[in-house]
C-alpha atoms as a PDB file:
ATOM      1  CA  MET A   1     139.109   4.810 126.685  1.00  0.00           C
ATOM      2  CA  ASN A   2     136.061   5.917 124.555  1.00  0.00           C
ATOM      3  CA  ILE A   3     135.696   9.645 124.339  1.00  0.00           C
ATOM      4  CA  GLY A   4     132.848  11.737 122.922  1.00  0.00           C
ATOM      5  CA  PHE A   5     133.894  15.116 121.672  1.00  0.00           C
ATOM      6  CA  ILE A   6     131.453  17.783 120.888  1.00  0.00           C
ATOM      7  CA  GLY A   7     132.460  21.337 119.535  1.00  0.00           C
ATOM      8  CA  LEU A   8     135.233  21.500 116.841  1.00  0.00           C
ATOM      9  CA  GLY A   9     136.046  25.161 116.770  1.00  0.00           C
ATOM     10  CA  ALA A  10     139.799  26.196 116.780  1.00  0.00           C
ATOM     11  CA  MET A  11     140.394  25.045 120.252  1.00  0.00           C
ATOM     12  CA  GLY A  12     138.205  21.806 120.065  1.00  0.00           C
ATOM     13  CA  ARG A  13     139.513  20.634 116.822  1.00  0.00           C
ATOM     14  CA  ALA A  14     143.136  20.791 118.137  1.00  0.00           C
ATOM     15  CA  MET A  15     142.215  19.095 121.270  1.00  0.00           C
ATOM     16  CA  ALA A  16     140.308  16.469 119.591  1.00  0.00           C
ATOM     17  CA  THR A  17     143.011  15.796 117.054  1.00  0.00           C
ATOM     18  CA  ASN A  18     145.445  15.229 120.010  1.00  0.00           C
ATOM     19  CA  LEU A  19     143.021  12.647 121.359  1.00  0.00           C
ATOM     20  CA  VAL A  20     142.876  10.699 118.183  1.00  0.00           C
ATOM     21  CA  ASN A  21     146.555  10.823 117.640  1.00  0.00           C
ATOM     22  CA  ALA A  22     147.070   9.385 121.233  1.00  0.00           C
ATOM     23  CA  ASP A  23     145.008   6.508 120.077  1.00  0.00           C
ATOM     24  CA  PHE A  24     141.840   7.137 122.090  1.00  0.00           C
ATOM     25  CA  ASP A  25     138.585   5.862 120.526  1.00  0.00           C
ATOM     26  CA  VAL A  26     137.102   9.257 119.613  1.00  0.00           C
ATOM     27  CA  THR A  27     133.554  10.049 118.421  1.00  0.00           C
ATOM     28  CA  VAL A  28     132.976  13.647 117.229  1.00  0.00           C
ATOM     29  CA  TRP A  29     130.132  15.919 116.607  1.00  0.00           C
ATOM     30  CA  ASN A  30     129.815  19.554 115.515  1.00  0.00           C
ATOM     31  CA  ARG A  31     126.910  21.649 114.346  1.00  0.00           C
ATOM     32  CA  SER A  32     128.793  22.287 111.079  1.00  0.00           C
ATOM     33  CA  PRO A  33     129.422  18.656 110.076  1.00  0.00           C
ATOM     34  CA  ASP A  34     132.197  19.529 107.580  1.00  0.00           C
ATOM     35  CA  LYS A  35     134.320  20.458 110.545  1.00  0.00           C
ATOM     36  CA  CYS A  36     134.335  16.721 111.473  1.00  0.00           C
ATOM     37  CA  ARG A  37     135.934  15.464 108.209  1.00  0.00           C
ATOM     38  CA  PRO A  38     139.625  16.140 109.243  1.00  0.00           C
ATOM     39  CA  LEU A  39     139.144  14.405 112.416  1.00  0.00           C
ATOM     40  CA  VAL A  40     137.310  11.452 110.676  1.00  0.00           C
ATOM     41  CA  ASP A  41     140.246  11.272 108.230  1.00  0.00           C
ATOM     42  CA  ALA A  42     142.609  10.981 111.237  1.00  0.00           C
ATOM     43  CA  GLY A  43     140.654   8.065 112.722  1.00  0.00           C
ATOM     44  CA  ALA A  44     137.682   9.414 114.630  1.00  0.00           C
ATOM     45  CA  ARG A  45     134.096   8.392 114.129  1.00  0.00           C
ATOM     46  CA  GLN A  46     131.472  11.068 113.367  1.00  0.00           C
ATOM     47  CA  ALA A  47     128.465  11.003 115.331  1.00  0.00           C
ATOM     48  CA  ASP A  48     124.930  11.583 113.712  1.00  0.00           C
ATOM     49  CA  CYS A  49     123.789  13.556 116.763  1.00  0.00           C
ATOM     50  CA  PRO A  50     125.364  14.733 119.938  1.00  0.00           C
ATOM     51  CA  ALA A  51     123.551  11.917 121.938  1.00  0.00           C
ATOM     52  CA  ASP A  52     125.777   9.518 120.007  1.00  0.00           C
ATOM     53  CA  CYS A  53     128.764  10.989 121.896  1.00  0.00           C
ATOM     54  CA  ALA A  54     127.167  10.743 125.327  1.00  0.00           C
ATOM     55  CA  ALA A  55     127.592   7.011 126.234  1.00  0.00           C
ATOM     56  CA  ALA A  56     131.508   7.319 126.127  1.00  0.00           C
ATOM     57  CA  ASP A  57     133.732   6.894 129.091  1.00  0.00           C
ATOM     58  CA  VAL A  58     134.460  10.645 128.958  1.00  0.00           C
ATOM     59  CA  LEU A  59     132.352  13.091 127.106  1.00  0.00           C
ATOM     60  CA  ILE A  60     133.922  16.449 126.352  1.00  0.00           C
ATOM     61  CA  THR A  61     132.113  19.653 125.262  1.00  0.00           C
ATOM     62  CA  MET A  62     134.039  22.500 124.099  1.00  0.00           C
ATOM     63  CA  LEU A  63     131.454  25.029 122.811  1.00  0.00           C
ATOM     64  CA  ALA A  64     131.605  28.662 122.137  1.00  0.00           C
ATOM     65  CA  ASP A  65     129.291  29.970 125.116  1.00  0.00           C
ATOM     66  CA  ASP A  66     126.563  29.329 127.621  1.00  0.00           C
ATOM     67  CA  ALA A  67     123.843  29.409 124.944  1.00  0.00           C
ATOM     68  CA  ALA A  68     125.649  26.847 122.672  1.00  0.00           C
ATOM     69  CA  LEU A  69     126.156  24.503 125.580  1.00  0.00           C
ATOM     70  CA  ALA A  70     122.475  24.865 126.743  1.00  0.00           C
ATOM     71  CA  ALA A  71     121.276  24.159 123.226  1.00  0.00           C
ATOM     72  CA  VAL A  72     123.171  21.004 122.878  1.00  0.00           C
ATOM     73  CA  ILE A  73     122.088  19.793 126.495  1.00  0.00           C
ATOM     74  CA  ASP A  74     118.639  20.792 126.138  1.00  0.00           C
ATOM     75  CA  GLU A  75     117.739  20.106 122.471  1.00  0.00           C
ATOM     76  CA  HIS A  76     119.496  16.624 122.360  1.00  0.00           C
ATOM     77  CA  GLY A  77     118.923  15.316 125.984  1.00  0.00           C
ATOM     78  CA  LEU A  78     122.633  15.135 126.407  1.00  0.00           C
ATOM     79  CA  ILE A  79     122.487  14.402 130.299  1.00  0.00           C
ATOM     80  CA  GLU A  80     119.922  11.715 129.989  1.00  0.00           C
ATOM     81  CA  ALA A  81     121.850  10.052 127.112  1.00  0.00           C
ATOM     82  CA  MET A  82     124.938   9.852 129.283  1.00  0.00           C
ATOM     83  CA  GLY A  83     125.982   6.196 130.451  1.00  0.00           C
ATOM     84  CA  ASP A  84     125.887   5.541 134.149  1.00  0.00           C
ATOM     85  CA  ASN A  85     129.619   5.881 134.469  1.00  0.00           C
ATOM     86  CA  THR A  86     130.190   8.694 131.921  1.00  0.00           C
ATOM     87  CA  VAL A  87     132.123  11.775 132.981  1.00  0.00           C
ATOM     88  CA  HIS A  88     130.935  14.877 131.364  1.00  0.00           C
ATOM     89  CA  VAL A  89     133.901  17.202 131.029  1.00  0.00           C
ATOM     90  CA  ASN A  90     132.893  20.810 130.029  1.00  0.00           C
ATOM     91  CA  MET A  91     136.052  22.635 128.888  1.00  0.00           C
ATOM     92  CA  ALA A  92     134.523  25.680 127.487  1.00  0.00           C
ATOM     93  CA  THR A  93     134.456  29.144 129.091  1.00  0.00           C
ATOM     94  CA  VAL A  94     130.898  29.516 130.373  1.00  0.00           C
ATOM     95  CA  SER A  95     129.533  31.784 133.305  1.00  0.00           C
ATOM     96  CA  VAL A  96     129.575  31.001 136.935  1.00  0.00           C
ATOM     97  CA  GLU A  97     125.802  30.473 136.783  1.00  0.00           C
ATOM     98  CA  THR A  98     125.872  28.114 134.103  1.00  0.00           C
ATOM     99  CA  GLY A  99     128.728  26.148 135.698  1.00  0.00           C
ATOM    100  CA  ARG A 100     126.577  25.916 138.967  1.00  0.00           C
ATOM    101  CA  ASP A 101     123.527  25.040 137.110  1.00  0.00           C
ATOM    102  CA  MET A 102     125.130  22.393 134.951  1.00  0.00           C
ATOM    103  CA  ALA A 103     126.724  20.725 138.114  1.00  0.00           C
ATOM    104  CA  ALA A 104     123.286  20.588 139.906  1.00  0.00           C
ATOM    105  CA  ARG A 105     121.607  19.199 136.792  1.00  0.00           C
ATOM    106  CA  HIS A 106     124.025  16.378 136.449  1.00  0.00           C
ATOM    107  CA  ARG A 107     123.882  15.600 140.171  1.00  0.00           C
ATOM    108  CA  GLU A 108     120.102  15.396 140.170  1.00  0.00           C
ATOM    109  CA  ALA A 109     120.351  12.941 137.349  1.00  0.00           C
ATOM    110  CA  GLY A 110     123.012  10.928 138.988  1.00  0.00           C
ATOM    111  CA  LYS A 111     125.767  11.676 136.426  1.00  0.00           C
ATOM    112  CA  ALA A 112     129.227  12.761 136.809  1.00  0.00           C
ATOM    113  CA  TYR A 113     130.115  16.459 135.822  1.00  0.00           C
ATOM    114  CA  VAL A 114     133.506  18.341 135.798  1.00  0.00           C
ATOM    115  CA  ALA A 115     134.275  21.863 134.843  1.00  0.00           C
ATOM    116  CA  ALA A 116     137.671  22.002 133.330  1.00  0.00           C
ATOM    117  CA  PRO A 117     138.206  25.219 131.242  1.00  0.00           C
ATOM    118  CA  VAL A 118     141.569  25.703 129.553  1.00  0.00           C
ATOM    119  CA  LEU A 119     144.171  28.345 129.705  1.00  0.00           C
ATOM    120  CA  GLY A 120     145.813  28.949 126.345  1.00  0.00           C
ATOM    121  CA  ARG A 121     145.296  29.778 122.811  1.00  0.00           C
ATOM    122  CA  PRO A 122     144.849  27.350 119.722  1.00  0.00           C
ATOM    123  CA  ASP A 123     148.601  27.139 119.030  1.00  0.00           C
ATOM    124  CA  LEU A 124     148.962  25.752 122.632  1.00  0.00           C
ATOM    125  CA  ALA A 125     146.044  23.416 122.130  1.00  0.00           C
ATOM    126  CA  ALA A 126     147.717  22.099 118.955  1.00  0.00           C
ATOM    127  CA  ALA A 127     150.943  21.451 120.827  1.00  0.00           C
ATOM    128  CA  ALA A 128     148.937  19.815 123.822  1.00  0.00           C
ATOM    129  CA  LYS A 129     150.510  22.454 126.234  1.00  0.00           C
ATOM    130  CA  LEU A 130     147.213  23.728 127.424  1.00  0.00           C
ATOM    131  CA  ASN A 131     146.654  24.514 131.213  1.00  0.00           C
ATOM    132  CA  ILE A 132     143.600  22.957 132.598  1.00  0.00           C
ATOM    133  CA  VAL A 133     141.603  24.028 135.664  1.00  0.00           C
ATOM    134  CA  ALA A 134     139.541  21.260 136.892  1.00  0.00           C
ATOM    135  CA  ALA A 135     136.747  21.150 139.522  1.00  0.00           C
ATOM    136  CA  GLY A 136     134.248  18.555 140.473  1.00  0.00           C
ATOM    137  CA  PRO A 137     134.162  15.181 142.257  1.00  0.00           C
ATOM    138  CA  GLN A 138     137.718  13.921 142.721  1.00  0.00           C
ATOM    139  CA  ASP A 139     136.852  10.496 141.342  1.00  0.00           C
ATOM    140  CA  ALA A 140     135.338  12.028 138.254  1.00  0.00           C
ATOM    141  CA  ILE A 141     138.386  14.112 137.722  1.00  0.00           C
ATOM    142  CA  GLU A 142     140.526  10.988 138.034  1.00  0.00           C
ATOM    143  CA  ARG A 143     138.542   9.025 135.714  1.00  0.00           C
ATOM    144  CA  ALA A 144     138.971  11.853 133.105  1.00  0.00           C
ATOM    145  CA  ARG A 145     142.561  12.471 133.739  1.00  0.00           C
ATOM    146  CA  PRO A 146     144.056  10.496 130.989  1.00  0.00           C
ATOM    147  CA  ALA A 147     142.191  12.422 128.471  1.00  0.00           C
ATOM    148  CA  LEU A 148     142.980  15.661 130.321  1.00  0.00           C
ATOM    149  CA  GLU A 149     146.596  14.921 130.473  1.00  0.00           C
ATOM    150  CA  THR A 150     146.729  14.352 126.774  1.00  0.00           C
ATOM    151  CA  VAL A 151     145.200  17.580 125.668  1.00  0.00           C
ATOM    152  CA  GLY A 152     147.249  19.649 128.320  1.00  0.00           C
ATOM    153  CA  ALA A 153     150.470  20.145 130.017  1.00  0.00           C
ATOM    154  CA  LYS A 154     149.193  20.392 133.721  1.00  0.00           C
ATOM    155  CA  VAL A 155     145.787  19.850 135.372  1.00  0.00           C
ATOM    156  CA  TRP A 156     145.240  22.319 138.212  1.00  0.00           C
ATOM    157  CA  PRO A 157     142.737  20.996 140.768  1.00  0.00           C
ATOM    158  CA  ALA A 158     140.193  23.672 141.914  1.00  0.00           C
ATOM    159  CA  GLY A 159     137.926  21.789 144.384  1.00  0.00           C
ATOM    160  CA  GLU A 160     134.719  19.942 144.394  1.00  0.00           C
ATOM    161  CA  ASP A 161     132.446  22.882 143.346  1.00  0.00           C
ATOM    162  CA  ALA A 162     132.549  23.043 139.547  1.00  0.00           C
ATOM    163  CA  GLU A 163     132.070  26.830 139.431  1.00  0.00           C
ATOM    164  CA  ARG A 164     135.283  27.395 141.074  1.00  0.00           C
ATOM    165  CA  ALA A 165     137.046  26.307 137.802  1.00  0.00           C
ATOM    166  CA  ASN A 166     134.893  28.650 135.954  1.00  0.00           C
ATOM    167  CA  VAL A 167     135.504  31.687 138.035  1.00  0.00           C
ATOM    168  CA  ILE A 168     139.301  30.940 137.849  1.00  0.00           C
ATOM    169  CA  LYS A 169     139.202  30.922 134.164  1.00  0.00           C
ATOM    170  CA  LEU A 170     137.137  34.218 133.978  1.00  0.00           C
ATOM    171  CA  ALA A 171     139.389  35.850 136.434  1.00  0.00           C
ATOM    172  CA  THR A 172     142.413  34.793 134.275  1.00  0.00           C
ATOM    173  CA  ASN A 173     140.843  36.142 131.063  1.00  0.00           C
ATOM    174  CA  TYR A 174     139.922  39.391 132.849  1.00  0.00           C
ATOM    175  CA  MET A 175     143.617  39.778 133.697  1.00  0.00           C
ATOM    176  CA  LEU A 176     144.609  38.836 130.102  1.00  0.00           C
ATOM    177  CA  VAL A 177     142.295  41.462 128.586  1.00  0.00           C
ATOM    178  CA  ALA A 178     143.805  44.003 131.086  1.00  0.00           C
ATOM    179  CA  ALA A 179     147.397  43.120 130.092  1.00  0.00           C
ATOM    180  CA  VAL A 180     146.692  43.556 126.387  1.00  0.00           C
ATOM    181  CA  GLU A 181     144.885  46.825 126.849  1.00  0.00           C
ATOM    182  CA  THR A 182     147.604  48.219 128.973  1.00  0.00           C
ATOM    183  CA  MET A 183     150.303  47.014 126.520  1.00  0.00           C
ATOM    184  CA  GLY A 184     148.629  48.846 123.790  1.00  0.00           C
ATOM    185  CA  GLU A 185     148.272  51.925 125.732  1.00  0.00           C
ATOM    186  CA  ALA A 186     151.906  51.838 126.675  1.00  0.00           C
ATOM    187  CA  ALA A 187     152.969  51.436 123.047  1.00  0.00           C
ATOM    188  CA  SER A 188     151.052  54.479 122.040  1.00  0.00           C
ATOM    189  CA  MET A 189     152.587  56.567 124.745  1.00  0.00           C
ATOM    190  CA  THR A 190     156.139  55.589 123.696  1.00  0.00           C
ATOM    191  CA  ALA A 191     155.216  56.128 120.188  1.00  0.00           C
ATOM    192  CA  LYS A 192     154.434  59.647 120.898  1.00  0.00           C
ATOM    193  CA  TYR A 193     157.931  60.131 121.930  1.00  0.00           C
ATOM    194  CA  GLY A 194     159.452  58.759 118.767  1.00  0.00           C
ATOM    195  CA  VAL A 195     159.893  55.150 120.043  1.00  0.00           C
ATOM    196  CA  GLU A 196     158.998  52.370 117.435  1.00  0.00           C
ATOM    197  CA  PRO A 197     156.109  50.443 118.934  1.00  0.00           C
ATOM    198  CA  GLY A 198     158.034  47.273 117.811  1.00  0.00           C
ATOM    199  CA  ASP A 199     161.132  48.310 119.655  1.00  0.00           C
ATOM    200  CA  PHE A 200     159.274  49.004 122.956  1.00  0.00           C
ATOM    201  CA  LEU A 201     157.466  45.721 122.572  1.00  0.00           C
ATOM    202  CA  ASP A 202     160.611  43.819 122.034  1.00  0.00           C
ATOM    203  CA  ILE A 203     162.132  45.317 125.163  1.00  0.00           C
ATOM    204  CA  ILE A 204     159.235  44.669 127.474  1.00  0.00           C
ATOM    205  CA  THR A 205     158.616  40.937 126.234  1.00  0.00           C
ATOM    206  CA  GLN A 206     162.182  40.105 126.523  1.00  0.00           C
ATOM    207  CA  SER A 207     162.521  41.606 129.972  1.00  0.00           C
ATOM    208  CA  VAL A 208     159.998  42.556 132.702  1.00  0.00           C
ATOM    209  CA  PHE A 209     157.107  40.999 130.877  1.00  0.00           C
ATOM    210  CA  ALA A 210     158.670  37.869 129.277  1.00  0.00           C
ATOM    211  CA  CYS A 211     155.581  35.780 129.838  1.00  0.00           C
ATOM    212  CA  PRO A 212     152.911  34.407 127.575  1.00  0.00           C
ATOM    213  CA  ALA A 213     150.223  36.942 128.368  1.00  0.00           C
ATOM    214  CA  TYR A 214     152.263  39.757 126.792  1.00  0.00           C
ATOM    215  CA  MET A 215     154.559  37.552 124.333  1.00  0.00           C
ATOM    216  CA  GLY A 216     151.654  36.111 122.750  1.00  0.00           C
ATOM    217  CA  TYR A 217     150.102  39.271 121.619  1.00  0.00           C
ATOM    218  CA  ALA A 218     152.920  41.610 121.052  1.00  0.00           C
ATOM    219  CA  PRO A 219     153.871  40.203 117.612  1.00  0.00           C
ATOM    220  CA  ALA A 220     150.621  41.029 116.262  1.00  0.00           C
ATOM    221  CA  MET A 221     150.702  44.724 117.584  1.00  0.00           C
ATOM    222  CA  LYS A 222     154.239  45.029 116.268  1.00  0.00           C
ATOM    223  CA  ALA A 223     153.083  44.005 112.689  1.00  0.00           C
ATOM    224  CA  ARG A 224     149.665  45.715 113.047  1.00  0.00           C
ATOM    225  CA  ASP A 225     148.273  42.598 111.724  1.00  0.00           C
ATOM    226  CA  TYR A 226     145.316  41.323 113.693  1.00  0.00           C
ATOM    227  CA  ASP A 227     143.726  38.582 111.175  1.00  0.00           C
ATOM    228  CA  ASN A 228     145.044  35.487 113.081  1.00  0.00           C
ATOM    229  CA  PRO A 229     142.541  32.451 112.557  1.00  0.00           C
ATOM    230  CA  GLU A 230     144.243  30.820 115.352  1.00  0.00           C
ATOM    231  CA  GLY A 231     144.238  33.683 117.737  1.00  0.00           C
ATOM    232  CA  PHE A 232     141.784  34.770 120.561  1.00  0.00           C
ATOM    233  CA  LYS A 233     139.029  36.618 118.990  1.00  0.00           C
ATOM    234  CA  LEU A 234     138.311  40.139 120.361  1.00  0.00           C
ATOM    235  CA  ALA A 235     134.564  39.512 120.511  1.00  0.00           C
ATOM    236  CA  LEU A 236     135.355  36.446 122.802  1.00  0.00           C
ATOM    237  CA  GLY A 237     137.375  38.646 125.022  1.00  0.00           C
ATOM    238  CA  ALA A 238     134.463  40.914 125.236  1.00  0.00           C
ATOM    239  CA  LYS A 239     132.035  38.122 126.081  1.00  0.00           C
ATOM    240  CA  ASP A 240     134.491  36.703 128.783  1.00  0.00           C
ATOM    241  CA  MET A 241     134.849  40.296 130.400  1.00  0.00           C
ATOM    242  CA  ASP A 242     131.099  40.463 130.631  1.00  0.00           C
ATOM    243  CA  LEU A 243     131.052  37.013 132.290  1.00  0.00           C
ATOM    244  CA  ALA A 244     133.702  38.059 134.735  1.00  0.00           C
ATOM    245  CA  LEU A 245     132.087  41.288 135.480  1.00  0.00           C
ATOM    246  CA  ALA A 246     128.754  39.628 136.095  1.00  0.00           C
ATOM    247  CA  ALA A 247     130.555  37.189 138.576  1.00  0.00           C
ATOM    248  CA  ALA A 248     132.056  40.008 140.358  1.00  0.00           C
ATOM    249  CA  GLY A 249     128.767  41.876 140.595  1.00  0.00           C
ATOM    250  CA  ALA A 250     127.079  38.867 141.974  1.00  0.00           C
ATOM    251  CA  GLU A 251     129.537  38.955 145.021  1.00  0.00           C
ATOM    252  CA  ASN A 252     129.742  42.827 145.223  1.00  0.00           C
ATOM    253  CA  VAL A 253     133.510  42.783 144.125  1.00  0.00           C
ATOM    254  CA  PRO A 254     134.367  46.205 142.658  1.00  0.00           C
ATOM    255  CA  MET A 255     136.403  45.772 139.319  1.00  0.00           C
ATOM    256  CA  PRO A 256     136.919  49.374 137.958  1.00  0.00           C
ATOM    257  CA  MET A 257     139.694  48.303 135.581  1.00  0.00           C
ATOM    258  CA  GLY A 258     137.346  45.824 134.185  1.00  0.00           C
ATOM    259  CA  ALA A 259     134.757  48.274 133.265  1.00  0.00           C
ATOM    260  CA  ALA A 260     137.400  50.651 131.458  1.00  0.00           C
ATOM    261  CA  ALA A 261     138.758  47.534 129.535  1.00  0.00           C
ATOM    262  CA  ARG A 262     135.144  46.500 128.499  1.00  0.00           C
ATOM    263  CA  GLN A 263     134.549  50.086 127.089  1.00  0.00           C
ATOM    264  CA  ARG A 264     137.683  49.773 124.935  1.00  0.00           C
ATOM    265  CA  LEU A 265     136.548  46.389 123.762  1.00  0.00           C
ATOM    266  CA  ALA A 266     133.220  48.035 122.766  1.00  0.00           C
ATOM    267  CA  GLU A 267     135.234  50.840 120.893  1.00  0.00           C
ATOM    268  CA  ALA A 268     137.192  48.057 119.036  1.00  0.00           C
ATOM    269  CA  MET A 269     134.108  46.065 118.000  1.00  0.00           C
ATOM    270  CA  ALA A 270     132.431  49.244 116.880  1.00  0.00           C
ATOM    271  CA  ALA A 271     135.316  49.772 114.535  1.00  0.00           C
ATOM    272  CA  GLY A 272     134.902  46.227 113.116  1.00  0.00           C
ATOM    273  CA  ALA A 273     137.628  44.499 114.952  1.00  0.00           C
ATOM    274  CA  GLY A 274     135.335  41.790 116.735  1.00  0.00           C
ATOM    275  CA  ASP A 275     136.451  38.887 114.595  1.00  0.00           C
ATOM    276  CA  GLN A 276     140.301  40.047 114.839  1.00  0.00           C
ATOM    277  CA  ASP A 277     142.796  39.013 117.408  1.00  0.00           C
ATOM    278  CA  LEU A 278     142.541  40.477 120.932  1.00  0.00           C
ATOM    279  CA  SER A 279     145.698  42.509 120.190  1.00  0.00           C
ATOM    280  CA  ALA A 280     143.841  44.601 118.044  1.00  0.00           C
ATOM    281  CA  LEU A 281     142.923  46.577 121.167  1.00  0.00           C
ATOM    282  CA  ALA A 282     146.136  48.440 120.422  1.00  0.00           C
ATOM    283  CA  GLU A 283     144.479  50.241 117.516  1.00  0.00           C
ATOM    284  CA  VAL A 284     141.911  51.721 119.867  1.00  0.00           C
ATOM    285  CA  SER A 285     144.913  53.333 121.903  1.00  0.00           C
ATOM    286  CA  ARG A 286     146.606  54.480 118.576  1.00  0.00           C
ATOM    287  CA  ARG A 287     143.465  56.147 117.348  1.00  0.00           C
ATOM    288  CA  GLY A 288     142.925  58.028 120.800  1.00  0.00           C
ATOM    289  CA  ALA A 289     146.575  59.249 120.538  1.00  0.00           C
ATOM    290  CA  HIS A 290     146.113  60.252 116.951  1.00  0.00           C
ATOM    291  CA  LEU A 291     149.122  58.395 115.895  1.00  0.00           C
ATOM    292  CA  ASP A 292     148.014  57.759 112.336  1.00  0.00           C
ATOM    293  CA  ASP A 293     146.733  61.434 111.695  1.00  0.00           C
END
């Protein structure tokens, strides 16, 4: 199977590496060309432009946001460059509106499109243990399945409408941000009563909340070390929260907890934590509780 892979950030790089290591024929492109070098050294080919990736059996895009996806699609004529039997699998987190628009544009061009956002951080991507939510034409999902099952532990079907996968991903990240925020608040509350935050976090992540959403972020809170290049950046959490709230607003779904969490994200970014791990939300709670005064 020939695979074109566009977007080699922390997630994309790990996913593309797993595809190369599984002996797929992989062609890669990234706006910053130097990020292609490790993949080329591992056996991939480097494309001169995104369109060179488009004629593959499966074209995977893993770009930062709606604007980055639109730029590659529009500036490089990516849909037009796709082969008649190519399946475009968009694995990035994008808005419901963009997911719907991408599906319509591909359909009008007679090309196959699947939305397949991933659940998991870069460490899970490197271990090929991502969960993948896939929506689109069933035959297109099946044609892409060998690649999807190589980069993930499980593929969760979400129906024929591509935007269904996008809204599931946004709802998941909404819950994740809320979980990290409440964990930070609870750690600050217990600290006010003399309980070491690390002790509290150990208890909850090895009992009631022994799950990835808490266990993945508690260690950074415990150490108060948020400079994790493989983590989920706080600014990306804010972007996803905005997309989730927009999706909710479009259908008049009240999400009051989301509005509160978005305010905390804004406070954290104002303090310069945008490029830090999402667990840096704990510091907003600590400042509010005057724990370091």
